[in-house]
Amino acid sequence: MKFRPLHDRVVVKRLEGEEKSKGGIIIPDSAKEKPQEGEVVAVGPGSRDDSGKLVALDVKAGDRILFGKWSGTEVKIDGQELLIMKESDIMGVVG
């Protein structure tokens, strides 16, 4: 991928959700909610604090994360559907 996010932005690939309910019912695509879990693909260098010093991000490429339902901007890069969001939209790292 030839894309480098700026500042405190993170590129995320959504992870696919379950296709069956706990009771074994298959959920059609039209009824599925978009998953709120993803994998970090790329991260920016970080943001600057009040003194101008670069503050690195806490997440790195390859991390599995949870993010808010309406977080990020959906983009298509190299035919892949991705999200670009600020690090502050990330709720936590899984695992």
N, C-alpha and C. Protein backbone atom coordinates (compact mmCIF):
# COMPACT_ATOMS: atom_id res chain seq x y z
N MET A 1 0.85 -1.18 0.00
CA MET A 1 0.00 0.00 0.00
C MET A 1 0.89 1.23 0.00
N LYS A 2 0.61 2.16 -0.85
CA LYS A 2 1.39 3.39 -0.97
C LYS A 2 0.65 4.55 -0.31
N PHE A 3 0.34 4.42 0.97
CA PHE A 3 -0.37 5.47 1.70
C PHE A 3 0.24 5.60 3.08
N ARG A 4 0.54 6.83 3.47
CA ARG A 4 1.12 7.10 4.78
C ARG A 4 0.25 8.14 5.48
N PRO A 5 -0.41 7.76 6.59
CA PRO A 5 -1.25 8.72 7.30
C PRO A 5 -0.40 9.81 7.96
N LEU A 6 -1.00 10.96 8.14
CA LEU A 6 -0.31 12.09 8.76
C LEU A 6 -0.71 12.24 10.22
N HIS A 7 0.14 12.88 10.98
CA HIS A 7 -0.09 13.25 12.38
C HIS A 7 -0.53 12.05 13.21
N ASP A 8 -1.68 12.16 13.89
CA ASP A 8 -2.13 11.09 14.80
C ASP A 8 -3.22 10.22 14.15
N ARG A 9 -3.17 10.10 12.83
CA ARG A 9 -4.17 9.30 12.13
C ARG A 9 -3.69 7.86 11.97
N VAL A 10 -4.67 6.94 11.90
CA VAL A 10 -4.41 5.51 11.83
C VAL A 10 -5.26 4.93 10.71
N VAL A 11 -4.68 4.04 9.90
CA VAL A 11 -5.42 3.33 8.85
C VAL A 11 -5.79 1.96 9.40
N VAL A 12 -7.09 1.62 9.32
CA VAL A 12 -7.60 0.39 9.93
C VAL A 12 -8.37 -0.42 8.89
N LYS A 13 -8.17 -1.73 8.94
CA LYS A 13 -8.95 -2.66 8.11
C LYS A 13 -9.94 -3.36 9.03
N ARG A 14 -11.24 -3.23 8.71
CA ARG A 14 -12.27 -3.87 9.54
C ARG A 14 -12.10 -5.38 9.50
N LEU A 15 -12.31 -6.03 10.64
CA LEU A 15 -12.33 -7.48 10.71
C LEU A 15 -13.77 -7.93 10.56
N GLU A 16 -13.99 -9.00 9.82
CA GLU A 16 -15.34 -9.48 9.56
C GLU A 16 -15.99 -10.00 10.82
N GLY A 17 -17.29 -9.70 10.98
CA GLY A 17 -18.05 -10.15 12.14
C GLY A 17 -18.56 -11.57 11.94
N GLU A 18 -19.22 -12.08 12.93
CA GLU A 18 -19.80 -13.42 12.89
C GLU A 18 -20.93 -13.48 11.87
N GLU A 19 -21.02 -14.59 11.15
CA GLU A 19 -22.10 -14.77 10.19
C GLU A 19 -23.27 -15.54 10.77
N LYS A 20 -23.09 -16.08 12.00
CA LYS A 20 -24.17 -16.80 12.68
C LYS A 20 -24.40 -16.16 14.04
N SER A 21 -25.65 -16.21 14.49
CA SER A 21 -25.95 -15.75 15.84
C SER A 21 -25.55 -16.84 16.83
N LYS A 22 -25.64 -16.55 18.12
CA LYS A 22 -25.29 -17.55 19.13
C LYS A 22 -26.20 -18.76 19.05
N GLY A 23 -27.44 -18.57 18.59
CA GLY A 23 -28.38 -19.66 18.45
C GLY A 23 -28.23 -20.45 17.16
N GLY A 24 -27.29 -20.05 16.30
CA GLY A 24 -27.02 -20.78 15.06
C GLY A 24 -27.75 -20.23 13.85
N ILE A 25 -28.46 -19.12 14.00
CA ILE A 25 -29.18 -18.52 12.87
C ILE A 25 -28.19 -17.75 12.00
N ILE A 26 -28.24 -17.99 10.70
CA ILE A 26 -27.35 -17.28 9.77
C ILE A 26 -27.89 -15.87 9.55
N ILE A 27 -27.03 -14.88 9.70
CA ILE A 27 -27.43 -13.48 9.57
C ILE A 27 -27.12 -13.00 8.15
N PRO A 28 -28.12 -12.51 7.39
CA PRO A 28 -27.86 -12.01 6.04
C PRO A 28 -27.05 -10.72 6.08
N ASP A 29 -26.34 -10.43 4.98
CA ASP A 29 -25.50 -9.23 4.91
C ASP A 29 -26.27 -7.95 5.20
N SER A 30 -27.51 -7.88 4.74
CA SER A 30 -28.30 -6.66 4.91
C SER A 30 -28.65 -6.38 6.37
N ALA A 31 -28.65 -7.41 7.22
CA ALA A 31 -29.00 -7.24 8.63
C ALA A 31 -27.78 -7.10 9.54
N LYS A 32 -26.59 -7.32 9.00
CA LYS A 32 -25.37 -7.26 9.82
C LYS A 32 -24.99 -5.81 10.10
N GLU A 33 -24.51 -5.60 11.31
CA GLU A 33 -23.90 -4.31 11.62
C GLU A 33 -22.43 -4.38 11.25
N LYS A 34 -21.87 -3.25 10.88
CA LYS A 34 -20.45 -3.24 10.56
C LYS A 34 -19.66 -3.51 11.83
N PRO A 35 -18.65 -4.35 11.74
CA PRO A 35 -17.88 -4.68 12.95
C PRO A 35 -17.13 -3.46 13.49
N GLN A 36 -16.96 -3.44 14.80
CA GLN A 36 -16.24 -2.35 15.45
C GLN A 36 -14.86 -2.81 15.88
N GLU A 37 -14.39 -3.88 15.26
CA GLU A 37 -13.06 -4.39 15.55
C GLU A 37 -12.26 -4.36 14.26
N GLY A 38 -10.99 -4.02 14.34
CA GLY A 38 -10.18 -3.95 13.15
C GLY A 38 -8.71 -4.19 13.44
N GLU A 39 -7.95 -4.21 12.35
CA GLU A 39 -6.50 -4.38 12.44
C GLU A 39 -5.84 -3.12 11.91
N VAL A 40 -4.88 -2.60 12.66
CA VAL A 40 -4.16 -1.40 12.24
C VAL A 40 -3.24 -1.76 11.08
N VAL A 41 -3.38 -1.03 9.98
CA VAL A 41 -2.57 -1.26 8.79
C VAL A 41 -1.37 -0.32 8.75
N ALA A 42 -1.59 0.94 9.11
CA ALA A 42 -0.51 1.94 9.10
C ALA A 42 -0.82 3.03 10.12
N VAL A 43 0.21 3.65 10.66
CA VAL A 43 0.04 4.74 11.63
C VAL A 43 0.88 5.94 11.21
N GLY A 44 0.41 7.11 11.60
CA GLY A 44 1.16 8.33 11.34
C GLY A 44 2.29 8.49 12.35
N PRO A 45 3.12 9.50 12.19
CA PRO A 45 4.27 9.69 13.08
C PRO A 45 3.88 10.14 14.49
N GLY A 46 2.70 10.73 14.65
CA GLY A 46 2.26 11.21 15.96
C GLY A 46 1.89 12.67 15.90
N SER A 47 1.40 13.19 17.02
CA SER A 47 1.03 14.60 17.07
C SER A 47 2.09 15.37 17.86
N ARG A 48 1.99 16.68 17.81
CA ARG A 48 2.94 17.52 18.53
C ARG A 48 2.27 18.10 19.77
N ASP A 49 3.03 18.13 20.88
CA ASP A 49 2.49 18.72 22.10
C ASP A 49 2.68 20.23 22.08
N ASP A 50 2.33 20.89 23.18
CA ASP A 50 2.40 22.35 23.23
C ASP A 50 3.81 22.90 23.03
N SER A 51 4.82 22.12 23.40
CA SER A 51 6.20 22.59 23.24
C SER A 51 6.77 22.25 21.87
N GLY A 52 5.99 21.54 21.03
CA GLY A 52 6.44 21.21 19.69
C GLY A 52 7.11 19.85 19.58
N LYS A 53 7.17 19.12 20.70
CA LYS A 53 7.80 17.81 20.69
C LYS A 53 6.84 16.77 20.12
N LEU A 54 7.37 15.86 19.31
CA LEU A 54 6.57 14.81 18.69
C LEU A 54 6.20 13.75 19.73
N VAL A 55 4.88 13.46 19.82
CA VAL A 55 4.38 12.44 20.75
C VAL A 55 3.95 11.25 19.90
N ALA A 56 4.66 10.12 20.05
CA ALA A 56 4.37 8.92 19.24
C ALA A 56 3.03 8.31 19.64
N LEU A 57 2.44 7.55 18.71
CA LEU A 57 1.16 6.90 18.96
C LEU A 57 1.35 5.64 19.80
N ASP A 58 0.29 5.23 20.52
CA ASP A 58 0.34 4.03 21.35
C ASP A 58 0.08 2.76 20.55
N VAL A 59 -0.54 2.87 19.38
CA VAL A 59 -0.82 1.69 18.56
C VAL A 59 0.22 1.57 17.46
N LYS A 60 0.35 0.34 16.94
CA LYS A 60 1.30 0.11 15.84
C LYS A 60 0.64 -0.80 14.82
N ALA A 61 1.20 -0.88 13.65
CA ALA A 61 0.67 -1.74 12.59
C ALA A 61 0.61 -3.18 13.09
N GLY A 62 -0.51 -3.85 12.82
CA GLY A 62 -0.70 -5.22 13.25
C GLY A 62 -1.54 -5.37 14.51
N ASP A 63 -1.75 -4.29 15.27
CA ASP A 63 -2.57 -4.35 16.48
C ASP A 63 -4.04 -4.57 16.12
N ARG A 64 -4.74 -5.39 16.92
CA ARG A 64 -6.20 -5.54 16.81
C ARG A 64 -6.82 -4.54 17.76
N ILE A 65 -7.75 -3.73 17.26
CA ILE A 65 -8.30 -2.65 18.07
C ILE A 65 -9.82 -2.68 18.06
N LEU A 66 -10.41 -1.99 19.03
CA LEU A 66 -11.84 -1.71 19.06
C LEU A 66 -12.01 -0.21 18.88
N PHE A 67 -13.02 0.17 18.10
CA PHE A 67 -13.26 1.59 17.85
C PHE A 67 -14.75 1.86 17.88
N GLY A 68 -15.12 3.13 17.96
CA GLY A 68 -16.52 3.53 18.03
C GLY A 68 -17.28 3.20 16.76
N LYS A 69 -18.59 3.04 16.91
CA LYS A 69 -19.45 2.65 15.79
C LYS A 69 -19.37 3.64 14.62
N TRP A 70 -19.30 4.91 14.91
CA TRP A 70 -19.30 5.93 13.84
C TRP A 70 -17.92 6.54 13.64
N SER A 71 -16.88 5.87 14.07
CA SER A 71 -15.52 6.40 13.97
C SER A 71 -14.96 6.29 12.56
N GLY A 72 -14.12 7.23 12.21
CA GLY A 72 -13.34 7.15 10.99
C GLY A 72 -14.07 7.53 9.72
N THR A 73 -13.30 7.60 8.67
CA THR A 73 -13.78 7.89 7.33
C THR A 73 -13.45 6.70 6.44
N GLU A 74 -14.46 6.18 5.76
CA GLU A 74 -14.25 5.03 4.89
C GLU A 74 -13.61 5.47 3.58
N VAL A 75 -12.55 4.77 3.18
CA VAL A 75 -11.85 5.05 1.93
C VAL A 75 -11.53 3.73 1.24
N LYS A 76 -11.26 3.81 -0.05
CA LYS A 76 -10.85 2.63 -0.81
C LYS A 76 -9.46 2.92 -1.36
N ILE A 77 -8.48 2.11 -0.93
CA ILE A 77 -7.09 2.27 -1.36
C ILE A 77 -6.63 0.95 -1.93
N ASP A 78 -6.13 0.96 -3.15
CA ASP A 78 -5.68 -0.26 -3.84
C ASP A 78 -6.77 -1.34 -3.84
N GLY A 79 -8.03 -0.93 -4.01
CA GLY A 79 -9.14 -1.86 -4.06
C GLY A 79 -9.55 -2.43 -2.72
N GLN A 80 -8.98 -1.95 -1.63
CA GLN A 80 -9.27 -2.44 -0.29
C GLN A 80 -10.06 -1.39 0.48
N GLU A 81 -11.16 -1.81 1.13
CA GLU A 81 -11.97 -0.89 1.93
C GLU A 81 -11.30 -0.71 3.29
N LEU A 82 -10.94 0.53 3.62
CA LEU A 82 -10.22 0.83 4.86
C LEU A 82 -10.89 2.00 5.57
N LEU A 83 -10.52 2.21 6.82
CA LEU A 83 -10.96 3.36 7.60
C LEU A 83 -9.74 4.19 7.98
N ILE A 84 -9.90 5.50 7.95
CA ILE A 84 -8.87 6.40 8.46
C ILE A 84 -9.49 7.12 9.64
N MET A 85 -8.84 7.02 10.82
CA MET A 85 -9.37 7.65 12.02
C MET A 85 -8.25 8.21 12.85
N LYS A 86 -8.61 9.08 13.77
CA LYS A 86 -7.63 9.61 14.72
C LYS A 86 -7.42 8.59 15.82
N GLU A 87 -6.26 8.62 16.43
CA GLU A 87 -5.98 7.67 17.51
C GLU A 87 -6.98 7.83 18.65
N SER A 88 -7.49 9.02 18.86
CA SER A 88 -8.44 9.24 19.96
C SER A 88 -9.78 8.52 19.73
N ASP A 89 -10.08 8.09 18.49
CA ASP A 89 -11.29 7.32 18.21
C ASP A 89 -11.15 5.85 18.59
N ILE A 90 -9.94 5.41 18.88
CA ILE A 90 -9.69 4.02 19.25
C ILE A 90 -9.95 3.85 20.73
N MET A 91 -10.77 2.83 21.07
CA MET A 91 -11.12 2.59 22.46
C MET A 91 -10.10 1.72 23.18
N GLY A 92 -9.42 0.82 22.45
CA GLY A 92 -8.44 -0.03 23.10
C GLY A 92 -7.86 -1.06 22.15
N VAL A 93 -6.80 -1.71 22.62
CA VAL A 93 -6.14 -2.76 21.87
C VAL A 93 -6.58 -4.10 22.44
N VAL A 94 -6.96 -5.04 21.54
CA VAL A 94 -7.41 -6.37 21.95
C VAL A 94 -6.21 -7.31 21.99
N GLY A 95 -6.08 -8.04 23.08
CA GLY A 95 -5.03 -9.07 23.19
C GLY A 95 -3.78 -8.48 23.63
